[in-house]
Amino acid sequence: MEVTRFSSRVCMLASIIGLTAQTATADDLQTIKQMHPPVVASVGEQKITVLFLKNTLKGQTTGGYVPGGEVFYTTMSATKPELSFVAPLVGDEVASVFFFERKFPEQAGKSLYVLMRQKESNGGFEGYTYWTLELPLIKQSEQLSLRFFRGDPPDPELQDCRDGRDLENGVDVVCAYKDAASIKKRLADLDAKIIADSKLQQDLRQKSPKTNGDVTSVACPSPDFSAFLAAFSERADVQKSFVQQPLKMVTTVAGDAEPEMEKRSLSGEELKFPIIPDQAKREVQGLTLTVKEERGDHAVAILQKPDTDYVFEYRFVRGQCWRLEEVMDYSL
């Protein structure tokens, strides 16, 4: 069966890009058909042709899973075509194929989206189910390719979206994302929200917070982390001014089999100062405070008592000044 399917794909590829193929005979078993016309995808000057092929053997085989269809792409070269598998398709038909380009820097890029649809008729539901598949376009050097997984989990609202009649409850259900326009709007809204949230967090990191009951801000002690840490550990006003709120607190707690990490977020009156004891108290308690690492805009200080399990890590980030964003308590 694999040989037959591969031959059918090659024949279809040859016909699409204009190559000469041998004439098929009446005895040939056609196991592959088109689910959707080929689409040309491009990034800059680079282009590929994307194929949406349907398995006509679905439902005729046993002992293995056969997807309803598959996505392939081929380069635009007429002299040396290459056929590459991308992803299986869930559903009976391709309802829509479209492109969307994300703007958020960490996820920026153009993707091809495939909206799949499948008719359902059973005792509980009558109608259609929709799925949206994202296939990012990746340009490396002068080569363009189509990938299956960007790395982020898919938007759950774009998966298993039903449109029809809920027979068990006797109500109509409507899928809000069953066409390209509604999905593009959803993606644009999500992209805009991520950008806005990122900008807000950046602004909060860059603003020097004010001390409680005071309208003036404490000046940044130093851009040098070691000098900043020395001032931060000695002065409560510096700690209050350069602690990010809410502050992430991770504490080690006893578990059934092994210790577990409990996460909390503290702000306002929940924060107890000083977060780091000053040098006089450290000497009395036998504690040492050192810089564990400093990489770019991130730094970690460690407070510990030698030969004991007393260990705290203080994680800082730098905007206009250093700011404590997370405390890790590894003590039991």
C-alpha atoms as a PDB file:
ATOM      1  CA  MET A   1       0.000   0.000   0.000  1.00  0.00           C
ATOM      2  CA  GLU A   2       2.866   2.401   0.830  1.00  0.00           C
ATOM      3  CA  VAL A   3       4.375   1.903  -2.641  1.00  0.00           C
ATOM      4  CA  THR A   4       1.026   2.595  -4.276  1.00  0.00           C
ATOM      5  CA  ARG A   5       0.432   5.740  -2.201  1.00  0.00           C
ATOM      6  CA  PHE A   6       3.941   7.050  -2.915  1.00  0.00           C
ATOM      7  CA  SER A   7       3.494   6.459  -6.648  1.00  0.00           C
ATOM      8  CA  SER A   8       0.182   8.292  -6.628  1.00  0.00           C
ATOM      9  CA  ARG A   9       1.738  11.276  -4.852  1.00  0.00           C
ATOM     10  CA  VAL A  10       4.592  11.468  -7.300  1.00  0.00           C
ATOM     11  CA  CYS A  11       2.206  11.333 -10.258  1.00  0.00           C
ATOM     12  CA  MET A  12       0.108  14.141  -8.800  1.00  0.00           C
ATOM     13  CA  LEU A  13       3.216  16.220  -8.088  1.00  0.00           C
ATOM     14  CA  ALA A  14       4.398  15.738 -11.660  1.00  0.00           C
ATOM     15  CA  SER A  15       1.080  16.867 -13.101  1.00  0.00           C
ATOM     16  CA  ILE A  16       0.985  19.960 -10.862  1.00  0.00           C
ATOM     17  CA  ILE A  17       4.426  21.266 -11.804  1.00  0.00           C
ATOM     18  CA  GLY A  18       4.127  20.308 -15.442  1.00  0.00           C
ATOM     19  CA  LEU A  19       6.404  17.295 -15.641  1.00  0.00           C
ATOM     20  CA  THR A  20       5.740  14.423 -18.029  1.00  0.00           C
ATOM     21  CA  ALA A  21       4.145  11.384 -16.402  1.00  0.00           C
ATOM     22  CA  GLN A  22       3.339   8.020 -17.861  1.00  0.00           C
ATOM     23  CA  THR A  23      -0.275   7.424 -18.844  1.00  0.00           C
ATOM     24  CA  ALA A  24      -2.227   5.611 -16.145  1.00  0.00           C
ATOM     25  CA  THR A  25      -4.002   2.401 -17.069  1.00  0.00           C
ATOM     26  CA  ALA A  26      -7.523   1.339 -16.128  1.00  0.00           C
ATOM     27  CA  ASP A  27      -6.079  -1.159 -13.639  1.00  0.00           C
ATOM     28  CA  ASP A  28      -4.217   1.491 -11.603  1.00  0.00           C
ATOM     29  CA  LEU A  29      -5.535   1.881  -8.047  1.00  0.00           C
ATOM     30  CA  GLN A  30      -5.915   5.601  -7.289  1.00  0.00           C
ATOM     31  CA  THR A  31      -5.416   5.913  -3.552  1.00  0.00           C
ATOM     32  CA  ILE A  32      -4.706   9.667  -3.427  1.00  0.00           C
ATOM     33  CA  LYS A  33      -6.911  12.561  -4.527  1.00  0.00           C
ATOM     34  CA  GLN A  34      -6.875  16.290  -3.884  1.00  0.00           C
ATOM     35  CA  MET A  35      -8.743  17.609  -0.832  1.00  0.00           C
ATOM     36  CA  HIS A  36      -8.075  21.225  -1.847  1.00  0.00           C
ATOM     37  CA  PRO A  37      -6.380  22.905  -4.815  1.00  0.00           C
ATOM     38  CA  PRO A  38      -2.615  23.493  -4.366  1.00  0.00           C
ATOM     39  CA  VAL A  39      -1.613  26.770  -2.694  1.00  0.00           C
ATOM     40  CA  VAL A  40       1.548  28.780  -3.320  1.00  0.00           C
ATOM     41  CA  ALA A  41       3.154  29.999  -0.073  1.00  0.00           C
ATOM     42  CA  SER A  42       5.871  32.638  -0.077  1.00  0.00           C
ATOM     43  CA  VAL A  43       8.200  34.509   2.271  1.00  0.00           C
ATOM     44  CA  GLY A  44      10.098  37.236   0.465  1.00  0.00           C
ATOM     45  CA  GLU A  45      11.293  35.835  -2.862  1.00  0.00           C
ATOM     46  CA  GLN A  46      11.131  32.205  -1.734  1.00  0.00           C
ATOM     47  CA  LYS A  47       8.095  30.130  -2.723  1.00  0.00           C
ATOM     48  CA  ILE A  48       6.803  26.609  -2.259  1.00  0.00           C
ATOM     49  CA  THR A  49       3.693  24.777  -3.468  1.00  0.00           C
ATOM     50  CA  VAL A  50       1.529  23.195  -0.752  1.00  0.00           C
ATOM     51  CA  LEU A  51      -0.522  20.090  -1.593  1.00  0.00           C
ATOM     52  CA  PHE A  52      -3.568  18.808   0.287  1.00  0.00           C
ATOM     53  CA  LEU A  53      -4.003  15.121  -0.539  1.00  0.00           C
ATOM     54  CA  LYS A  54      -6.883  12.871   0.449  1.00  0.00           C
ATOM     55  CA  ASN A  55      -6.496   9.181   1.293  1.00  0.00           C
ATOM     56  CA  THR A  56      -9.204   7.282  -0.542  1.00  0.00           C
ATOM     57  CA  LEU A  57      -8.197   4.104   1.314  1.00  0.00           C
ATOM     58  CA  LYS A  58      -9.505   5.501   4.617  1.00  0.00           C
ATOM     59  CA  GLY A  59     -12.125   3.077   5.924  1.00  0.00           C
ATOM     60  CA  GLN A  60     -10.877   0.270   3.679  1.00  0.00           C
ATOM     61  CA  THR A  61      -7.893  -0.801   5.775  1.00  0.00           C
ATOM     62  CA  THR A  62      -7.578  -2.511   9.145  1.00  0.00           C
ATOM     63  CA  GLY A  63      -4.802  -2.746  11.694  1.00  0.00           C
ATOM     64  CA  GLY A  64      -3.530   0.812  11.403  1.00  0.00           C
ATOM     65  CA  TYR A  65      -4.565   4.450  11.507  1.00  0.00           C
ATOM     66  CA  VAL A  66      -5.109   6.167   8.163  1.00  0.00           C
ATOM     67  CA  PRO A  67      -5.657   9.946   8.360  1.00  0.00           C
ATOM     68  CA  GLY A  68      -8.308  11.535   6.183  1.00  0.00           C
ATOM     69  CA  GLY A  69      -5.628  13.478   4.369  1.00  0.00           C
ATOM     70  CA  GLU A  70      -2.060  14.753   4.472  1.00  0.00           C
ATOM     71  CA  VAL A  71      -0.213  17.966   3.732  1.00  0.00           C
ATOM     72  CA  PHE A  72       2.900  17.999   1.544  1.00  0.00           C
ATOM     73  CA  TYR A  73       4.962  20.784   0.016  1.00  0.00           C
ATOM     74  CA  THR A  74       7.324  20.927  -2.925  1.00  0.00           C
ATOM     75  CA  THR A  75       9.871  23.477  -4.062  1.00  0.00           C
ATOM     76  CA  MET A  76       9.105  25.556  -7.147  1.00  0.00           C
ATOM     77  CA  SER A  77      12.025  24.091  -9.084  1.00  0.00           C
ATOM     78  CA  ALA A  78      10.975  22.448 -12.362  1.00  0.00           C
ATOM     79  CA  THR A  79      14.292  20.645 -12.702  1.00  0.00           C
ATOM     80  CA  LYS A  80      14.699  19.152  -9.227  1.00  0.00           C
ATOM     81  CA  PRO A  81      11.367  18.935  -7.385  1.00  0.00           C
ATOM     82  CA  GLU A  82      11.322  17.637  -3.805  1.00  0.00           C
ATOM     83  CA  LEU A  83       8.184  16.365  -2.111  1.00  0.00           C
ATOM     84  CA  SER A  84       8.166  16.778   1.686  1.00  0.00           C
ATOM     85  CA  PHE A  85       5.574  15.509   4.147  1.00  0.00           C
ATOM     86  CA  VAL A  86       4.289  18.109   6.643  1.00  0.00           C
ATOM     87  CA  ALA A  87       1.343  16.835   8.691  1.00  0.00           C
ATOM     88  CA  PRO A  88      -1.746  14.592   8.736  1.00  0.00           C
ATOM     89  CA  LEU A  89      -5.183  16.167   8.409  1.00  0.00           C
ATOM     90  CA  VAL A  90      -8.023  15.436  10.832  1.00  0.00           C
ATOM     91  CA  GLY A  91     -11.442  15.670   9.195  1.00  0.00           C
ATOM     92  CA  ASP A  92     -13.213  14.816   5.963  1.00  0.00           C
ATOM     93  CA  GLU A  93     -12.750  18.062   4.072  1.00  0.00           C
ATOM     94  CA  VAL A  94     -10.706  21.250   3.916  1.00  0.00           C
ATOM     95  CA  ALA A  95     -13.117  24.103   4.634  1.00  0.00           C
ATOM     96  CA  SER A  96     -10.567  26.909   4.126  1.00  0.00           C
ATOM     97  CA  VAL A  97      -6.849  27.607   3.618  1.00  0.00           C
ATOM     98  CA  PHE A  98      -5.423  31.022   4.522  1.00  0.00           C
ATOM     99  CA  PHE A  99      -2.337  32.853   5.821  1.00  0.00           C
ATOM    100  CA  PHE A 100      -1.755  34.930   8.958  1.00  0.00           C
ATOM    101  CA  GLU A 101       1.378  36.726  10.147  1.00  0.00           C
ATOM    102  CA  ARG A 102       2.049  37.175  13.855  1.00  0.00           C
ATOM    103  CA  LYS A 103       3.638  40.463  14.980  1.00  0.00           C
ATOM    104  CA  PHE A 104       4.755  39.662  18.545  1.00  0.00           C
ATOM    105  CA  PRO A 105       8.589  39.514  18.335  1.00  0.00           C
ATOM    106  CA  GLU A 106       9.044  36.181  20.135  1.00  0.00           C
ATOM    107  CA  GLN A 107       6.443  34.489  17.906  1.00  0.00           C
ATOM    108  CA  ALA A 108       6.705  36.656  14.796  1.00  0.00           C
ATOM    109  CA  GLY A 109       6.298  34.910  11.474  1.00  0.00           C
ATOM    110  CA  LYS A 110       3.938  33.880   8.737  1.00  0.00           C
ATOM    111  CA  SER A 111       1.926  30.666   8.969  1.00  0.00           C
ATOM    112  CA  LEU A 112      -0.435  28.774   6.717  1.00  0.00           C
ATOM    113  CA  TYR A 113      -3.676  27.751   8.409  1.00  0.00           C
ATOM    114  CA  VAL A 114      -5.856  24.819   7.376  1.00  0.00           C
ATOM    115  CA  LEU A 115      -9.457  24.798   8.600  1.00  0.00           C
ATOM    116  CA  MET A 116     -10.778  21.223   8.593  1.00  0.00           C
ATOM    117  CA  ARG A 117     -14.406  20.129   8.824  1.00  0.00           C
ATOM    118  CA  GLN A 118     -16.097  16.800   9.525  1.00  0.00           C
ATOM    119  CA  LYS A 119     -19.773  15.931   9.503  1.00  0.00           C
ATOM    120  CA  GLU A 120     -21.086  14.209  12.629  1.00  0.00           C
ATOM    121  CA  SER A 121     -24.352  12.394  13.157  1.00  0.00           C
ATOM    122  CA  ASN A 122     -24.921  10.355  16.288  1.00  0.00           C
ATOM    123  CA  GLY A 123     -27.254  10.054  19.246  1.00  0.00           C
ATOM    124  CA  GLY A 124     -25.845  13.141  20.957  1.00  0.00           C
ATOM    125  CA  PHE A 125     -24.968  15.559  18.158  1.00  0.00           C
ATOM    126  CA  GLU A 126     -25.927  16.417  14.602  1.00  0.00           C
ATOM    127  CA  GLY A 127     -23.789  18.859  12.636  1.00  0.00           C
ATOM    128  CA  TYR A 128     -20.130  19.648  11.912  1.00  0.00           C
ATOM    129  CA  THR A 129     -16.908  19.741  13.913  1.00  0.00           C
ATOM    130  CA  TYR A 130     -14.092  22.137  12.942  1.00  0.00           C
ATOM    131  CA  TRP A 131     -10.330  22.030  13.611  1.00  0.00           C
ATOM    132  CA  THR A 132      -7.704  24.658  12.791  1.00  0.00           C
ATOM    133  CA  LEU A 133      -4.170  23.538  11.997  1.00  0.00           C
ATOM    134  CA  GLU A 134      -1.262  26.029  12.028  1.00  0.00           C
ATOM    135  CA  LEU A 135       1.729  25.296   9.771  1.00  0.00           C
ATOM    136  CA  PRO A 136       4.526  27.892  10.219  1.00  0.00           C
ATOM    137  CA  LEU A 137       6.585  28.931   7.200  1.00  0.00           C
ATOM    138  CA  ILE A 138      10.292  28.752   8.053  1.00  0.00           C
ATOM    139  CA  LYS A 139      12.947  30.521   5.991  1.00  0.00           C
ATOM    140  CA  GLN A 140      16.518  29.415   6.572  1.00  0.00           C
ATOM    141  CA  SER A 141      19.137  30.966   4.305  1.00  0.00           C
ATOM    142  CA  GLU A 142      17.581  30.706   0.839  1.00  0.00           C
ATOM    143  CA  GLN A 143      15.423  27.681   1.655  1.00  0.00           C
ATOM    144  CA  LEU A 144      11.714  27.885   2.532  1.00  0.00           C
ATOM    145  CA  SER A 145       9.941  25.055   4.336  1.00  0.00           C
ATOM    146  CA  LEU A 146       6.612  24.313   6.003  1.00  0.00           C
ATOM    147  CA  ARG A 147       6.608  22.914   9.547  1.00  0.00           C
ATOM    148  CA  PHE A 148       4.007  21.164  11.671  1.00  0.00           C
ATOM    149  CA  PHE A 149       4.574  22.586  15.161  1.00  0.00           C
ATOM    150  CA  ARG A 150       5.638  26.087  16.206  1.00  0.00           C
ATOM    151  CA  GLY A 151       6.240  25.112  19.814  1.00  0.00           C
ATOM    152  CA  ASP A 152       3.208  26.742  21.389  1.00  0.00           C
ATOM    153  CA  PRO A 153       0.052  24.765  22.241  1.00  0.00           C
ATOM    154  CA  PRO A 154      -2.840  25.452  19.844  1.00  0.00           C
ATOM    155  CA  ASP A 155      -5.642  27.790  20.853  1.00  0.00           C
ATOM    156  CA  PRO A 156      -8.229  25.402  22.403  1.00  0.00           C
ATOM    157  CA  GLU A 157     -11.119  27.496  21.057  1.00  0.00           C
ATOM    158  CA  LEU A 158     -10.005  26.626  17.517  1.00  0.00           C
ATOM    159  CA  GLN A 159     -10.085  22.876  18.181  1.00  0.00           C
ATOM    160  CA  ASP A 160     -13.116  20.551  18.300  1.00  0.00           C
ATOM    161  CA  CYS A 161     -15.398  23.509  17.574  1.00  0.00           C
ATOM    162  CA  ARG A 162     -18.950  22.177  17.067  1.00  0.00           C
ATOM    163  CA  ASP A 163     -21.689  23.719  14.982  1.00  0.00           C
ATOM    164  CA  GLY A 164     -25.102  22.072  14.861  1.00  0.00           C
ATOM    165  CA  ARG A 165     -27.646  20.565  17.241  1.00  0.00           C
ATOM    166  CA  ASP A 166     -26.955  19.166  20.714  1.00  0.00           C
ATOM    167  CA  LEU A 167     -29.533  16.367  20.697  1.00  0.00           C
ATOM    168  CA  GLU A 168     -29.035  15.388  24.329  1.00  0.00           C
ATOM    169  CA  ASN A 169     -29.873  18.869  25.655  1.00  0.00           C
ATOM    170  CA  GLY A 170     -32.116  19.937  22.788  1.00  0.00           C
ATOM    171  CA  VAL A 171     -30.176  23.144  21.997  1.00  0.00           C
ATOM    172  CA  ASP A 172     -28.352  24.584  19.019  1.00  0.00           C
ATOM    173  CA  VAL A 173     -24.594  25.055  19.294  1.00  0.00           C
ATOM    174  CA  VAL A 174     -22.668  27.522  17.156  1.00  0.00           C
ATOM    175  CA  CYS A 175     -18.968  27.381  16.317  1.00  0.00           C
ATOM    176  CA  ALA A 176     -17.591  30.930  16.375  1.00  0.00           C
ATOM    177  CA  TYR A 177     -14.555  29.912  14.307  1.00  0.00           C
ATOM    178  CA  LYS A 178     -15.783  28.108  11.202  1.00  0.00           C
ATOM    179  CA  ASP A 179     -14.431  30.492   8.543  1.00  0.00           C
ATOM    180  CA  ALA A 180     -11.165  32.257   7.743  1.00  0.00           C
ATOM    181  CA  ALA A 181     -12.391  35.749   8.686  1.00  0.00           C
ATOM    182  CA  SER A 182     -13.427  34.835  12.246  1.00  0.00           C
ATOM    183  CA  ILE A 183     -10.222  32.873  12.860  1.00  0.00           C
ATOM    184  CA  LYS A 184      -8.026  35.699  11.552  1.00  0.00           C
ATOM    185  CA  LYS A 185      -9.779  38.135  13.885  1.00  0.00           C
ATOM    186  CA  ARG A 186      -9.232  35.765  16.826  1.00  0.00           C
ATOM    187  CA  LEU A 187      -5.533  35.437  15.968  1.00  0.00           C
ATOM    188  CA  ALA A 188      -5.149  39.215  15.554  1.00  0.00           C
ATOM    189  CA  ASP A 189      -6.830  39.835  18.927  1.00  0.00           C
ATOM    190  CA  LEU A 190      -4.562  37.301  20.650  1.00  0.00           C
ATOM    191  CA  ASP A 191      -1.471  38.790  19.013  1.00  0.00           C
ATOM    192  CA  ALA A 192      -2.481  42.319  20.052  1.00  0.00           C
ATOM    193  CA  LYS A 193      -3.135  41.175  23.649  1.00  0.00           C
ATOM    194  CA  ILE A 194       0.287  39.514  23.907  1.00  0.00           C
ATOM    195  CA  ILE A 195       1.959  42.677  22.590  1.00  0.00           C
ATOM    196  CA  ALA A 196       0.002  44.891  25.013  1.00  0.00           C
ATOM    197  CA  ASP A 197       0.744  42.614  28.004  1.00  0.00           C
ATOM    198  CA  SER A 198       4.433  42.504  27.096  1.00  0.00           C
ATOM    199  CA  LYS A 199       4.611  46.299  26.826  1.00  0.00           C
ATOM    200  CA  LEU A 200       2.829  46.695  30.170  1.00  0.00           C
ATOM    201  CA  GLN A 201       5.244  44.325  31.894  1.00  0.00           C
ATOM    202  CA  GLN A 202       8.184  46.137  30.345  1.00  0.00           C
ATOM    203  CA  ASP A 203       6.849  49.499  31.534  1.00  0.00           C
ATOM    204  CA  LEU A 204       6.334  48.133  35.050  1.00  0.00           C
ATOM    205  CA  ARG A 205       9.880  46.779  35.143  1.00  0.00           C
ATOM    206  CA  GLN A 206      11.320  50.087  33.978  1.00  0.00           C
ATOM    207  CA  LYS A 207       9.409  52.301  36.397  1.00  0.00           C
ATOM    208  CA  SER A 208      11.000  52.883  39.784  1.00  0.00           C
ATOM    209  CA  PRO A 209       8.309  52.005  42.356  1.00  0.00           C
ATOM    210  CA  LYS A 210       7.578  54.386  45.226  1.00  0.00           C
ATOM    211  CA  THR A 211       8.070  53.568  48.890  1.00  0.00           C
ATOM    212  CA  ASN A 212       4.945  53.116  51.020  1.00  0.00           C
ATOM    213  CA  GLY A 213       3.511  56.452  52.113  1.00  0.00           C
ATOM    214  CA  ASP A 214       6.156  58.411  50.170  1.00  0.00           C
ATOM    215  CA  VAL A 215       5.681  60.190  46.871  1.00  0.00           C
ATOM    216  CA  THR A 216       9.362  60.154  46.006  1.00  0.00           C
ATOM    217  CA  SER A 217      11.128  57.202  44.390  1.00  0.00           C
ATOM    218  CA  VAL A 218      14.329  55.672  45.688  1.00  0.00           C
ATOM    219  CA  ALA A 219      17.169  56.098  43.219  1.00  0.00           C
ATOM    220  CA  CYS A 220      18.686  52.993  41.673  1.00  0.00           C
ATOM    221  CA  PRO A 221      21.717  52.137  43.849  1.00  0.00           C
ATOM    222  CA  SER A 222      23.851  50.953  40.926  1.00  0.00           C
ATOM    223  CA  PRO A 223      23.611  49.297  37.497  1.00  0.00           C
ATOM    224  CA  ASP A 224      26.382  46.974  38.683  1.00  0.00           C
ATOM    225  CA  PHE A 225      24.658  43.974  40.241  1.00  0.00           C
ATOM    226  CA  SER A 226      27.165  43.342  43.046  1.00  0.00           C
ATOM    227  CA  ALA A 227      26.917  46.965  44.185  1.00  0.00           C
ATOM    228  CA  PHE A 228      23.127  46.882  43.820  1.00  0.00           C
ATOM    229  CA  LEU A 229      22.891  43.679  45.885  1.00  0.00           C
ATOM    230  CA  ALA A 230      25.000  45.207  48.670  1.00  0.00           C
ATOM    231  CA  ALA A 231      22.606  48.182  48.934  1.00  0.00           C
ATOM    232  CA  PHE A 232      19.501  45.989  48.467  1.00  0.00           C
ATOM    233  CA  SER A 233      20.461  43.691  51.351  1.00  0.00           C
ATOM    234  CA  GLU A 234      21.250  46.564  53.739  1.00  0.00           C
ATOM    235  CA  ARG A 235      18.371  48.996  53.131  1.00  0.00           C
ATOM    236  CA  ALA A 236      14.667  48.218  53.595  1.00  0.00           C
ATOM    237  CA  ASP A 237      13.656  51.228  51.486  1.00  0.00           C
ATOM    238  CA  VAL A 238      15.667  49.876  48.546  1.00  0.00           C
ATOM    239  CA  GLN A 239      14.032  46.463  48.936  1.00  0.00           C
ATOM    240  CA  LYS A 240      10.544  47.991  48.990  1.00  0.00           C
ATOM    241  CA  SER A 241      11.326  50.049  45.894  1.00  0.00           C
ATOM    242  CA  PHE A 242      12.940  47.318  43.803  1.00  0.00           C
ATOM    243  CA  VAL A 243      10.750  44.288  44.435  1.00  0.00           C
ATOM    244  CA  GLN A 244       8.418  43.369  41.586  1.00  0.00           C
ATOM    245  CA  GLN A 245       4.796  42.952  42.634  1.00  0.00           C
ATOM    246  CA  PRO A 246       3.374  40.432  42.734  1.00  0.00           C
ATOM    247  CA  LEU A 247       6.569  38.726  43.851  1.00  0.00           C
ATOM    248  CA  LYS A 248       6.808  35.060  42.880  1.00  0.00           C
ATOM    249  CA  MET A 249       7.580  32.846  45.873  1.00  0.00           C
ATOM    250  CA  VAL A 250       8.464  29.162  45.429  1.00  0.00           C
ATOM    251  CA  THR A 251       8.702  27.110  48.636  1.00  0.00           C
ATOM    252  CA  THR A 252       9.823  23.520  49.189  1.00  0.00           C
ATOM    253  CA  VAL A 253       7.209  21.455  51.044  1.00  0.00           C
ATOM    254  CA  ALA A 254       7.168  17.819  52.087  1.00  0.00           C
ATOM    255  CA  GLY A 255       5.395  15.511  49.629  1.00  0.00           C
ATOM    256  CA  ASP A 256       4.190  11.915  49.792  1.00  0.00           C
ATOM    257  CA  ALA A 257       7.177  10.516  47.900  1.00  0.00           C
ATOM    258  CA  GLU A 258       9.576  13.446  47.640  1.00  0.00           C
ATOM    259  CA  PRO A 259       9.656  17.217  48.296  1.00  0.00           C
ATOM    260  CA  GLU A 260       7.406  19.385  46.128  1.00  0.00           C
ATOM    261  CA  MET A 261       7.595  23.027  45.079  1.00  0.00           C
ATOM    262  CA  GLU A 262       4.668  25.233  46.117  1.00  0.00           C
ATOM    263  CA  LYS A 263       4.210  28.436  44.108  1.00  0.00           C
ATOM    264  CA  ARG A 264       2.602  31.650  45.382  1.00  0.00           C
ATOM    265  CA  SER A 265       2.376  35.291  44.330  1.00  0.00           C
ATOM    266  CA  LEU A 266       2.747  37.926  47.068  1.00  0.00           C
ATOM    267  CA  SER A 267       1.974  41.623  46.975  1.00  0.00           C
ATOM    268  CA  GLY A 268       1.135  44.527  49.254  1.00  0.00           C
ATOM    269  CA  GLU A 269       0.846  43.590  52.931  1.00  0.00           C
ATOM    270  CA  GLU A 270       1.661  39.955  52.116  1.00  0.00           C
ATOM    271  CA  LEU A 271       5.290  40.991  51.568  1.00  0.00           C
ATOM    272  CA  LYS A 272       7.343  40.997  54.769  1.00  0.00           C
ATOM    273  CA  PHE A 273      10.504  43.106  54.849  1.00  0.00           C
ATOM    274  CA  PRO A 274      13.388  42.728  55.011  1.00  0.00           C
ATOM    275  CA  ILE A 275      13.305  40.007  52.373  1.00  0.00           C
ATOM    276  CA  ILE A 276      17.077  39.636  52.705  1.00  0.00           C
ATOM    277  CA  PRO A 277      18.541  40.149  56.193  1.00  0.00           C
ATOM    278  CA  ASP A 278      21.282  42.760  56.526  1.00  0.00           C
ATOM    279  CA  GLN A 279      24.922  41.898  57.129  1.00  0.00           C
ATOM    280  CA  ALA A 280      24.720  42.199  60.919  1.00  0.00           C
ATOM    281  CA  LYS A 281      21.876  39.678  61.133  1.00  0.00           C
ATOM    282  CA  ARG A 282      23.584  37.370  58.631  1.00  0.00           C
ATOM    283  CA  GLU A 283      26.704  37.261  60.755  1.00  0.00           C
ATOM    284  CA  VAL A 284      24.725  36.460  63.911  1.00  0.00           C
ATOM    285  CA  GLN A 285      22.820  33.659  62.129  1.00  0.00           C
ATOM    286  CA  GLY A 286      25.868  32.318  60.290  1.00  0.00           C
ATOM    287  CA  LEU A 287      24.447  33.113  56.822  1.00  0.00           C
ATOM    288  CA  THR A 288      26.364  33.994  53.684  1.00  0.00           C
ATOM    289  CA  LEU A 289      25.085  36.038  50.730  1.00  0.00           C
ATOM    290  CA  THR A 290      26.849  35.629  47.386  1.00  0.00           C
ATOM    291  CA  VAL A 291      26.246  36.227  43.695  1.00  0.00           C
ATOM    292  CA  LYS A 292      25.548  32.835  42.138  1.00  0.00           C
ATOM    293  CA  GLU A 293      25.412  33.998  38.511  1.00  0.00           C
ATOM    294  CA  GLU A 294      24.912  37.045  36.323  1.00  0.00           C
ATOM    295  CA  ARG A 295      23.957  36.746  32.661  1.00  0.00           C
ATOM    296  CA  GLY A 296      22.881  39.784  30.699  1.00  0.00           C
ATOM    297  CA  ASP A 297      19.732  41.201  32.313  1.00  0.00           C
ATOM    298  CA  HIS A 298      19.324  38.296  34.745  1.00  0.00           C
ATOM    299  CA  ALA A 299      21.165  37.631  38.007  1.00  0.00           C
ATOM    300  CA  VAL A 300      20.831  35.235  40.934  1.00  0.00           C
ATOM    301  CA  ALA A 301      21.978  35.753  44.531  1.00  0.00           C
ATOM    302  CA  ILE A 302      22.113  32.889  47.018  1.00  0.00           C
ATOM    303  CA  LEU A 303      21.620  33.094  50.798  1.00  0.00           C
ATOM    304  CA  GLN A 304      22.663  29.970  52.662  1.00  0.00           C
ATOM    305  CA  LYS A 305      23.943  28.537  55.914  1.00  0.00           C
ATOM    306  CA  PRO A 306      26.929  26.265  55.289  1.00  0.00           C
ATOM    307  CA  ASP A 307      26.517  22.559  56.127  1.00  0.00           C
ATOM    308  CA  THR A 308      22.723  22.881  56.419  1.00  0.00           C
ATOM    309  CA  ASP A 309      19.752  22.660  54.061  1.00  0.00           C
ATOM    310  CA  TYR A 310      19.028  26.393  54.554  1.00  0.00           C
ATOM    311  CA  VAL A 311      19.189  27.751  50.970  1.00  0.00           C
ATOM    312  CA  PHE A 312      17.387  30.714  49.398  1.00  0.00           C
ATOM    313  CA  GLU A 313      17.793  31.915  45.827  1.00  0.00           C
ATOM    314  CA  TYR A 314      16.881  35.488  44.862  1.00  0.00           C
ATOM    315  CA  ARG A 315      16.323  36.024  41.142  1.00  0.00           C
ATOM    316  CA  PHE A 316      16.641  39.523  39.713  1.00  0.00           C
ATOM    317  CA  VAL A 317      15.930  41.091  36.309  1.00  0.00           C
ATOM    318  CA  ARG A 318      17.241  44.400  35.003  1.00  0.00           C
ATOM    319  CA  GLY A 319      15.208  47.143  33.314  1.00  0.00           C
ATOM    320  CA  GLN A 320      16.198  50.697  34.170  1.00  0.00           C
ATOM    321  CA  CYS A 321      17.434  49.153  37.418  1.00  0.00           C
ATOM    322  CA  TRP A 322      17.653  45.705  38.955  1.00  0.00           C
ATOM    323  CA  ARG A 323      14.461  44.281  40.433  1.00  0.00           C
ATOM    324  CA  LEU A 324      13.752  41.153  42.513  1.00  0.00           C
ATOM    325  CA  GLU A 325      11.155  39.032  40.676  1.00  0.00           C
ATOM    326  CA  GLU A 326      11.317  35.587  42.329  1.00  0.00           C
ATOM    327  CA  VAL A 327      12.420  33.934  45.592  1.00  0.00           C
ATOM    328  CA  MET A 328      13.178  30.200  45.688  1.00  0.00           C
ATOM    329  CA  ASP A 329      13.153  28.614  49.184  1.00  0.00           C
ATOM    330  CA  TYR A 330      14.859  25.210  49.005  1.00  0.00           C
ATOM    331  CA  SER A 331      14.952  24.708  52.788  1.00  0.00           C
ATOM    332  CA  LEU A 332      13.048  21.818  54.349  1.00  0.00           C
END
